Amino acid sequence: MSKPRFVISCPFDTYSGYGARARDIVKAIIDLDKYKVELLSQRWGETSWGFCNQNPEWNFLLGHLAKPNWQQQKPDIWMQITIPNEFQPVGKYNIGLTAGIEATACKPEWVEGMNRMDLNLVSSDFSKVNFENMVYEKKNPQTQQVMGQIKLTKPIKTVFEGVNLDIYKTLKSSEIKNINLKEIDEQFCFLFVGHWMNGDLGHDRKNVGLLVKSFYETFKDKRGPKPALILKASTGVSSYISRDQILNKIKEIRKSVKSSNLPNVYLLSGEFSDQEMNELYNHPKVKAMLSLTKGEGFGRPLLEFGLTGKPIMASGWSGHMDFLNPEYTSLLPGTLEPVHKSAANAWLIKEAKWFKVSEPHVGTTLKNLYKHYKKFLEKARKQKHFAKSNFSWENMRDLVGTILEDNLPEFAEQVQLQMPKLELPKLEKLK
């Protein structure tokens, strides 16, 4: 008896958040040892790829690449890991997995894509609830007459992004071998990790521009030692152009702040392995992580960083609320506002809203983190224990296994045909 054939189309070989998500899900399904897993490698935007060759621990995934003729036989299970408007049913049973949604609404095409699948998986309860609550009028494109509703009719489940606890963990200073911050003189650094996306100041999704400006404004003219801000950021494109674009944005913000005594902002660019990211999180100069994000499908770096036992300050809304315990982290208040036209993209619509952080609370919390660090450190250690206990990769794998077991149909056993041995009559000499 052979295992059900499970074909997965995803960007597992890319340096991207979707790539990391895909690798973890694929590994989980392989680890369940119940399916014959075949992979179709897909690009993810303009992010670079070749991740598996550069990271030997993931090289095994390349051994699961589907053969060119994979379509000659219909897969038992088909999974796509991408944005929902690209979902297409190919197998006997079809699963769509997306990171989710960063705002309160998306284009109807996303819901229609999810309705083409038998099961949909998202990274957070925040995304699940938003998809479940979306209702659109279906109109005749010629007459604009309302013909019904577009809403989610297919099952949707939450599968959080589990963290590998063998990689993301507390390190001693002596264990940090690859990350050298010797060019940074400051001994107290805040850290941001993520893409600096399109949008005017205060309107890009990750809200990096406002973070930089708030940091400058909070610590300008401060006497004595100042903290620094480290940005591990790109525009989503791995190139010198990306680095130059971000440096120019920082310079413009710096010019807008009226002071000749400003703290330093540093930019880290380039691709980091998981081990290097954990070393960065654990570096003794890195004291806390900051995020003024307007919306996250999940917010993976915040979960990873929390496993160091260091403080986190983040917006109090969207996907990361699933794993950031409000008792152990500094969650900032705010209100919802429409997505600004400068940040709009192919899947965000004008009706969508996302988070606008309360700026006065940003400055106050930054000052308190710097001044009363030990107090915040005590809470952060509790966040570490909370995340470690509930959001490991093993827990995620088990959840995937349970969901598949509960939802997949029975597939006909594929038995290899064996010809019976024929007992031929013995040749006899005629007399």
Protein backbone atom coordinates (compact mmCIF):
# COMPACT_ATOMS: atom_id res chain seq x y z
CA MET A 1 0.00 0.00 0.00
CA SER A 2 1.38 3.40 -0.96
CA LYS A 3 0.88 6.66 0.93
CA PRO A 4 -1.53 9.34 -0.39
CA ARG A 5 0.26 11.60 -2.84
CA PHE A 6 0.60 15.15 -1.41
CA VAL A 7 1.77 17.80 -3.91
CA ILE A 8 2.62 21.25 -2.48
CA SER A 9 3.18 24.37 -4.60
CA CYS A 10 5.01 26.99 -2.54
CA PRO A 11 8.01 29.38 -2.37
CA PHE A 12 9.99 27.13 -0.01
CA ASP A 13 13.34 28.01 -1.62
CA THR A 14 13.00 31.80 -1.23
CA TYR A 15 14.38 34.25 1.33
CA SER A 16 11.00 35.55 2.47
CA GLY A 17 8.46 35.30 5.24
CA TYR A 18 6.31 33.13 3.00
CA GLY A 19 9.38 31.01 2.30
CA ALA A 20 9.99 30.41 6.00
CA ARG A 21 6.32 29.58 6.50
CA ALA A 22 6.35 27.16 3.57
CA ARG A 23 9.48 25.36 4.79
CA ASP A 24 8.01 24.81 8.24
CA ILE A 25 4.69 23.51 6.90
CA VAL A 26 6.35 21.21 4.37
CA LYS A 27 8.72 19.85 7.00
CA ALA A 28 5.78 19.22 9.31
CA ILE A 29 3.87 17.28 6.65
CA ILE A 30 6.97 15.23 5.79
CA ASP A 31 7.58 14.59 9.49
CA LEU A 32 4.08 13.17 9.92
CA ASP A 33 5.25 10.32 7.65
CA LYS A 34 1.75 9.68 6.32
CA TYR A 35 2.06 11.15 2.83
CA LYS A 36 4.24 10.97 -0.28
CA VAL A 37 5.28 14.65 -0.46
CA GLU A 38 6.23 16.29 -3.76
CA LEU A 39 7.20 19.96 -4.06
CA LEU A 40 6.77 22.56 -6.77
CA SER A 41 9.14 25.46 -6.17
CA GLN A 42 7.59 28.88 -6.77
CA ARG A 43 9.04 32.37 -6.66
CA TRP A 44 7.84 34.96 -4.15
CA GLY A 45 7.75 38.44 -5.63
CA GLU A 46 11.24 39.79 -6.20
CA THR A 47 12.82 38.11 -3.18
CA SER A 48 15.93 36.06 -3.88
CA TRP A 49 15.90 32.28 -3.82
CA GLY A 50 18.32 29.38 -3.48
CA PHE A 51 17.74 29.25 0.29
CA CYS A 52 18.02 25.47 0.58
CA ASN A 53 21.44 25.27 -1.09
CA GLN A 54 22.75 28.04 1.15
CA ASN A 55 21.31 26.46 4.31
CA PRO A 56 22.32 22.75 4.40
CA GLU A 57 19.81 21.86 7.11
CA TRP A 58 17.06 22.54 4.56
CA ASN A 59 18.76 20.84 1.61
CA PHE A 60 16.63 17.70 2.12
CA LEU A 61 13.61 19.53 0.70
CA LEU A 62 15.23 19.53 -2.74
CA GLY A 63 14.98 15.73 -2.68
CA HIS A 64 11.19 16.08 -2.71
CA LEU A 65 10.96 18.08 -5.95
CA ALA A 66 8.14 16.85 -8.16
CA LYS A 67 9.07 15.27 -11.48
CA PRO A 68 8.25 17.16 -14.69
CA ASN A 69 5.39 14.76 -15.45
CA TRP A 70 3.79 15.13 -12.01
CA GLN A 71 0.43 16.13 -13.53
CA GLN A 72 -0.03 12.87 -15.38
CA GLN A 73 -1.68 11.51 -12.25
CA LYS A 74 -4.03 13.64 -10.18
CA PRO A 75 -2.64 14.26 -6.67
CA ASP A 76 -4.64 12.90 -3.77
CA ILE A 77 -3.95 16.12 -1.89
CA TRP A 78 -3.00 19.46 -3.41
CA MET A 79 -1.76 22.40 -1.33
CA GLN A 80 -0.91 25.93 -2.43
CA ILE A 81 0.96 28.30 -0.12
CA THR A 82 0.38 31.75 -1.57
CA ILE A 83 -2.15 34.60 -1.62
CA PRO A 84 -5.74 33.31 -1.96
CA ASN A 85 -6.64 34.83 -5.33
CA GLU A 86 -4.09 32.40 -6.84
CA PHE A 87 -5.71 29.30 -5.32
CA GLN A 88 -6.69 26.71 -7.94
CA PRO A 89 -8.02 23.19 -7.26
CA VAL A 90 -5.76 20.57 -8.83
CA GLY A 91 -6.08 17.49 -6.61
CA LYS A 92 -8.78 15.20 -5.31
CA TYR A 93 -8.68 17.30 -2.12
CA ASN A 94 -7.42 20.90 -2.20
CA ILE A 95 -5.90 23.00 0.57
CA GLY A 96 -5.04 26.69 0.42
CA LEU A 97 -2.63 28.13 2.95
CA THR A 98 -2.03 31.85 3.26
CA ALA A 99 -0.29 34.03 5.83
CA GLY A 100 -3.59 35.81 6.18
CA ILE A 101 -4.57 39.43 5.96
CA GLU A 102 -3.06 42.53 7.54
CA ALA A 103 -6.20 44.69 7.42
CA THR A 104 -9.94 44.35 7.99
CA ALA A 105 -10.81 43.60 4.37
CA CYS A 106 -9.35 42.41 1.09
CA LYS A 107 -10.46 42.09 -2.50
CA PRO A 108 -13.41 39.74 -3.11
CA GLU A 109 -11.13 37.70 -5.38
CA TRP A 110 -9.37 36.44 -2.26
CA VAL A 111 -12.61 35.05 -0.83
CA GLU A 112 -13.53 33.56 -4.20
CA GLY A 113 -10.12 31.87 -4.33
CA MET A 114 -10.64 30.37 -0.88
CA ASN A 115 -14.04 29.08 -1.93
CA ARG A 116 -12.36 27.12 -4.73
CA MET A 117 -10.53 25.03 -2.12
CA ASP A 118 -11.81 22.30 0.19
CA LEU A 119 -9.95 23.66 3.22
CA ASN A 120 -8.18 26.95 4.01
CA LEU A 121 -5.42 27.50 6.56
CA VAL A 122 -4.35 30.87 7.97
CA SER A 123 -1.69 31.86 10.48
CA SER A 124 -3.77 33.66 13.11
CA ASP A 125 -7.23 33.84 14.61
CA PHE A 126 -7.18 37.52 13.63
CA SER A 127 -7.06 36.54 9.95
CA LYS A 128 -9.59 33.74 10.41
CA VAL A 129 -12.19 36.04 11.95
CA ASN A 130 -11.66 38.73 9.31
CA PHE A 131 -12.14 36.26 6.46
CA GLU A 132 -15.23 34.79 8.10
CA ASN A 133 -16.79 38.26 8.48
CA MET A 134 -16.19 39.51 4.92
CA VAL A 135 -19.34 39.85 2.80
CA TYR A 136 -19.43 41.48 -0.65
CA GLU A 137 -22.16 42.17 -3.20
CA LYS A 138 -21.80 40.13 -6.36
CA LYS A 139 -22.69 42.35 -9.32
CA ASN A 140 -23.24 41.83 -13.02
CA PRO A 141 -20.17 43.47 -14.63
CA GLN A 142 -22.31 44.95 -17.46
CA THR A 143 -25.41 46.12 -15.60
CA GLN A 144 -23.98 46.41 -12.06
CA GLN A 145 -27.13 44.61 -10.87
CA VAL A 146 -26.65 42.81 -7.56
CA MET A 147 -26.74 39.07 -8.19
CA GLY A 148 -25.99 37.78 -4.72
CA GLN A 149 -23.21 37.73 -2.13
CA ILE A 150 -19.58 36.75 -2.02
CA LYS A 151 -18.64 35.30 1.34
CA LEU A 152 -16.53 32.47 2.68
CA THR A 153 -18.36 29.17 2.43
CA LYS A 154 -15.47 26.72 2.80
CA PRO A 155 -13.85 25.62 6.10
CA ILE A 156 -11.04 27.76 7.53
CA LYS A 157 -8.63 26.78 10.33
CA THR A 158 -5.82 28.56 12.16
CA VAL A 159 -2.35 27.03 12.07
CA PHE A 160 0.11 29.26 13.90
CA GLU A 161 3.70 29.65 12.72
CA GLY A 162 5.63 27.41 15.08
CA VAL A 163 9.24 28.23 15.99
CA ASN A 164 12.15 25.78 15.99
CA LEU A 165 13.25 25.85 19.63
CA ASP A 166 16.57 24.22 18.73
CA ILE A 167 17.46 27.39 16.82
CA TYR A 168 15.54 30.21 18.45
CA LYS A 169 16.63 30.20 22.06
CA THR A 170 18.69 32.11 24.59
CA LEU A 171 22.42 32.23 23.83
CA LYS A 172 25.42 33.18 25.92
CA SER A 173 27.64 35.92 24.54
CA SER A 174 30.36 33.33 23.91
CA GLU A 175 27.96 31.42 21.59
CA ILE A 176 27.54 34.39 19.24
CA LYS A 177 30.05 33.67 16.48
CA ASN A 178 28.70 35.25 13.28
CA ILE A 179 27.11 38.56 14.25
CA ASN A 180 29.58 41.33 14.97
CA LEU A 181 28.23 44.74 15.98
CA LYS A 182 31.62 46.23 16.88
CA GLU A 183 30.95 49.28 14.70
CA ILE A 184 28.07 50.16 17.00
CA ASP A 185 29.37 51.99 20.07
CA GLU A 186 26.06 52.09 21.91
CA GLN A 187 25.51 49.36 24.49
CA PHE A 188 21.72 49.70 24.44
CA CYS A 189 20.07 49.11 21.05
CA PHE A 190 16.45 48.74 20.03
CA LEU A 191 15.84 46.38 17.09
CA PHE A 192 13.34 46.36 14.24
CA VAL A 193 13.07 43.45 11.77
CA GLY A 194 10.96 43.58 8.61
CA HIS A 195 10.38 45.11 5.18
CA TRP A 196 10.11 48.87 4.68
CA MET A 197 7.20 48.87 2.27
CA ASN A 198 5.46 51.49 0.15
CA GLY A 199 3.74 54.37 1.86
CA ASP A 200 4.25 57.94 2.97
CA LEU A 201 5.65 58.66 6.43
CA GLY A 202 3.35 57.01 8.97
CA HIS A 203 1.51 55.00 6.32
CA ASP A 204 3.79 52.11 5.26
CA ARG A 205 2.42 48.83 6.62
CA LYS A 206 5.29 48.07 9.00
CA ASN A 207 5.27 51.78 9.92
CA VAL A 208 9.07 51.93 9.87
CA GLY A 209 9.12 55.61 8.96
CA LEU A 210 7.15 56.62 12.04
CA LEU A 211 9.27 54.31 14.19
CA VAL A 212 12.47 56.05 13.06
CA LYS A 213 10.97 59.51 13.52
CA SER A 214 9.57 58.64 16.98
CA PHE A 215 12.95 57.28 18.05
CA TYR A 216 14.70 60.48 16.95
CA GLU A 217 12.11 62.69 18.64
CA THR A 218 12.14 60.69 21.88
CA PHE A 219 15.90 60.72 22.45
CA LYS A 220 16.98 63.96 20.74
CA ASP A 221 18.96 66.38 22.90
CA LYS A 222 19.36 63.72 25.56
CA ARG A 223 22.42 64.26 27.71
CA GLY A 224 24.75 61.39 28.39
CA PRO A 225 24.63 57.98 26.69
CA LYS A 226 21.87 57.49 24.14
CA PRO A 227 20.31 54.28 22.88
CA ALA A 228 20.58 53.31 19.20
CA LEU A 229 18.07 51.84 16.77
CA ILE A 230 19.07 48.95 14.51
CA LEU A 231 16.94 48.30 11.42
CA LYS A 232 17.26 44.81 9.92
CA ALA A 233 15.28 45.91 6.93
CA SER A 234 14.89 45.85 3.18
CA THR A 235 12.28 46.93 0.67
CA GLY A 236 11.57 43.29 -0.22
CA VAL A 237 14.23 43.30 -2.94
CA SER A 238 17.68 41.95 -2.17
CA SER A 239 19.93 44.52 -3.80
CA TYR A 240 22.08 47.58 -3.21
CA ILE A 241 19.18 49.62 -4.59
CA SER A 242 17.06 48.51 -1.63
CA ARG A 243 19.78 49.54 0.83
CA ASP A 244 20.25 52.94 -0.79
CA GLN A 245 16.51 53.57 -0.81
CA ILE A 246 16.25 52.91 2.93
CA LEU A 247 19.33 54.99 3.76
CA ASN A 248 17.83 57.91 1.82
CA LYS A 249 14.55 57.57 3.72
CA ILE A 250 16.39 57.63 7.06
CA LYS A 251 18.37 60.72 6.00
CA GLU A 252 15.18 62.56 5.04
CA ILE A 253 13.54 61.74 8.37
CA ARG A 254 16.68 62.80 10.23
CA LYS A 255 16.63 66.17 8.45
CA SER A 256 13.00 66.72 9.49
CA VAL A 257 13.80 66.46 13.21
CA LYS A 258 14.92 69.80 14.63
CA SER A 259 18.00 68.95 16.65
CA SER A 260 21.74 68.78 16.23
CA ASN A 261 22.01 66.09 18.89
CA LEU A 262 20.25 63.00 17.60
CA PRO A 263 20.68 59.32 18.48
CA ASN A 264 22.08 56.92 15.88
CA VAL A 265 20.12 54.67 13.54
CA TYR A 266 21.95 51.75 11.93
CA LEU A 267 20.89 49.67 8.92
CA LEU A 268 21.64 45.95 8.67
CA SER A 269 21.03 44.53 5.20
CA GLY A 270 21.65 41.24 3.44
CA GLU A 271 20.28 37.74 3.93
CA PHE A 272 20.67 36.12 7.36
CA SER A 273 20.28 32.45 8.17
CA ASP A 274 18.00 31.37 11.03
CA GLN A 275 21.06 30.86 13.24
CA GLU A 276 22.37 34.34 12.38
CA MET A 277 19.00 35.90 13.15
CA ASN A 278 18.98 34.22 16.55
CA GLU A 279 22.49 35.50 17.20
CA LEU A 280 21.32 39.01 16.32
CA TYR A 281 18.36 38.69 18.68
CA ASN A 282 20.67 37.49 21.45
CA HIS A 283 23.49 39.99 20.91
CA PRO A 284 24.23 41.75 24.23
CA LYS A 285 23.87 45.18 22.59
CA VAL A 286 20.32 44.34 21.42
CA LYS A 287 18.00 44.98 24.36
CA ALA A 288 14.44 45.08 22.96
CA MET A 289 12.39 44.71 19.78
CA LEU A 290 10.09 47.42 18.44
CA SER A 291 7.18 47.28 16.02
CA LEU A 292 4.62 49.98 15.23
CA THR A 293 3.04 47.79 12.56
CA LYS A 294 -0.32 48.68 11.11
CA GLY A 295 -1.20 45.03 10.62
CA GLU A 296 0.30 41.53 10.58
CA GLY A 297 -0.98 38.22 9.34
CA PHE A 298 1.17 36.72 12.10
CA GLY A 299 4.36 38.71 12.84
CA ARG A 300 6.94 35.92 13.01
CA PRO A 301 10.04 37.97 14.10
CA LEU A 302 8.21 39.09 17.24
CA LEU A 303 7.63 35.46 18.24
CA GLU A 304 11.24 34.52 17.49
CA PHE A 305 12.65 37.46 19.42
CA GLY A 306 10.45 36.75 22.43
CA LEU A 307 12.28 33.46 22.94
CA THR A 308 15.38 35.42 24.01
CA GLY A 309 13.56 36.66 27.09
CA LYS A 310 14.04 40.30 26.07
CA PRO A 311 11.27 42.96 26.05
CA ILE A 312 8.96 43.65 23.12
CA MET A 313 7.05 46.83 22.32
CA ALA A 314 4.44 46.42 19.59
CA SER A 315 1.12 47.66 18.25
CA GLY A 316 -1.81 46.18 20.15
CA TRP A 317 -3.70 44.85 17.11
CA SER A 318 -3.68 42.11 14.45
CA GLY A 319 -2.03 38.69 14.06
CA HIS A 320 0.74 38.93 16.66
CA MET A 321 -1.88 39.34 19.37
CA ASP A 322 -2.31 35.55 19.16
CA PHE A 323 1.08 35.00 20.81
CA LEU A 324 2.06 38.27 22.55
CA ASN A 325 0.65 38.06 26.04
CA PRO A 326 -0.48 41.59 27.08
CA GLU A 327 0.72 40.92 30.64
CA TYR A 328 4.28 40.25 29.51
CA THR A 329 4.77 42.68 26.59
CA SER A 330 4.26 46.41 25.96
CA LEU A 331 1.27 46.62 23.62
CA LEU A 332 0.53 50.11 22.36
CA PRO A 333 -3.02 51.49 22.06
CA GLY A 334 -4.40 53.12 18.96
CA THR A 335 -7.33 53.34 16.56
CA LEU A 336 -8.27 51.94 13.16
CA GLU A 337 -7.88 54.11 10.06
CA PRO A 338 -8.35 53.55 6.31
CA VAL A 339 -5.38 52.22 4.37
CA HIS A 340 -3.65 55.26 2.88
CA LYS A 341 -3.54 55.44 -0.92
CA SER A 342 0.28 55.61 -0.81
CA ALA A 343 0.36 52.14 0.80
CA ALA A 344 -2.38 50.54 -1.27
CA ASN A 345 -1.52 47.45 -3.31
CA ALA A 346 -3.11 44.75 -5.38
CA TRP A 347 -5.00 43.17 -2.48
CA LEU A 348 -5.80 46.04 -0.14
CA ILE A 349 -9.07 47.81 -0.95
CA LYS A 350 -10.31 51.28 -0.03
CA GLU A 351 -12.80 49.85 2.47
CA ALA A 352 -9.99 48.21 4.43
CA LYS A 353 -8.78 49.59 7.72
CA TRP A 354 -5.70 48.94 9.80
CA PHE A 355 -4.00 50.19 12.96
CA LYS A 356 -2.85 53.70 13.77
CA VAL A 357 -0.71 53.62 16.87
CA SER A 358 -1.03 56.33 19.53
CA GLU A 359 2.13 58.38 19.00
CA PRO A 360 2.34 59.82 22.55
CA HIS A 361 2.38 56.27 23.92
CA VAL A 362 5.28 55.38 21.61
CA GLY A 363 7.59 58.00 23.11
CA THR A 364 6.52 57.29 26.68
CA THR A 365 7.07 53.54 26.33
CA LEU A 366 10.46 54.00 24.65
CA LYS A 367 11.63 56.19 27.53
CA ASN A 368 10.35 53.73 30.13
CA LEU A 369 12.00 50.78 28.38
CA TYR A 370 15.33 52.59 28.37
CA LYS A 371 15.08 53.95 31.89
CA HIS A 372 13.48 50.97 33.67
CA TYR A 373 14.82 48.13 31.59
CA LYS A 374 15.12 45.58 34.40
CA LYS A 375 11.41 45.91 35.20
CA PHE A 376 10.49 45.09 31.59
CA LEU A 377 13.03 42.26 31.52
CA GLU A 378 11.20 40.41 34.29
CA LYS A 379 7.96 40.40 32.25
CA ALA A 380 9.81 39.42 29.07
CA ARG A 381 11.06 36.22 30.69
CA LYS A 382 7.44 35.23 31.29
CA GLN A 383 6.66 35.90 27.60
CA LYS A 384 9.54 33.59 26.71
CA HIS A 385 8.05 30.77 28.78
CA PHE A 386 4.58 31.42 27.35
CA ALA A 387 5.81 31.31 23.74
CA LYS A 388 8.04 28.30 24.32
CA SER A 389 5.18 26.32 25.84
CA ASN A 390 2.56 27.13 23.22
CA PHE A 391 4.14 28.07 19.88
CA SER A 392 6.87 25.54 19.12
CA TRP A 393 7.29 23.93 15.72
CA GLU A 394 6.42 20.56 17.27
CA ASN A 395 3.11 21.94 18.54
CA MET A 396 2.42 23.34 15.09
CA ARG A 397 3.25 20.02 13.43
CA ASP A 398 0.87 18.17 15.74
CA LEU A 399 -1.87 20.70 15.00
CA VAL A 400 -1.36 20.24 11.25
CA GLY A 401 -1.59 16.48 11.73
CA THR A 402 -4.84 16.78 13.68
CA ILE A 403 -6.43 19.10 11.12
CA LEU A 404 -5.48 16.82 8.21
CA GLU A 405 -6.74 13.76 10.04
CA ASP A 406 -10.05 15.46 10.84
CA ASN A 407 -10.67 16.86 7.35
CA LEU A 408 -9.09 14.65 4.68
CA PRO A 409 -11.34 12.04 3.06
CA GLU A 410 -10.44 8.40 2.78
CA PHE A 411 -8.41 7.76 -0.32
CA ALA A 412 -8.62 4.52 -2.21
CA GLU A 413 -5.66 2.36 -1.37
CA GLN A 414 -3.12 2.39 -4.11
CA VAL A 415 -1.94 -1.18 -4.31
CA GLN A 416 0.80 -2.27 -6.65
CA LEU A 417 -0.46 -5.02 -8.92
CA GLN A 418 1.41 -8.30 -8.55
CA MET A 419 1.00 -10.93 -11.25
CA PRO A 420 0.41 -14.38 -9.77
CA LYS A 421 3.00 -17.06 -10.44
CA LEU A 422 1.68 -19.39 -13.08
CA GLU A 423 2.31 -23.12 -12.73
CA LEU A 424 2.89 -24.16 -16.34
CA PRO A 425 2.36 -27.82 -17.22
CA LYS A 426 5.56 -29.78 -17.49
CA LEU A 427 6.65 -30.68 -20.96
CA GLU A 428 6.23 -34.40 -21.60
CA LYS A 429 7.74 -36.48 -24.37
CA LEU A 430 5.14 -38.03 -26.57
CA LYS A 431 5.47 -41.69 -27.14
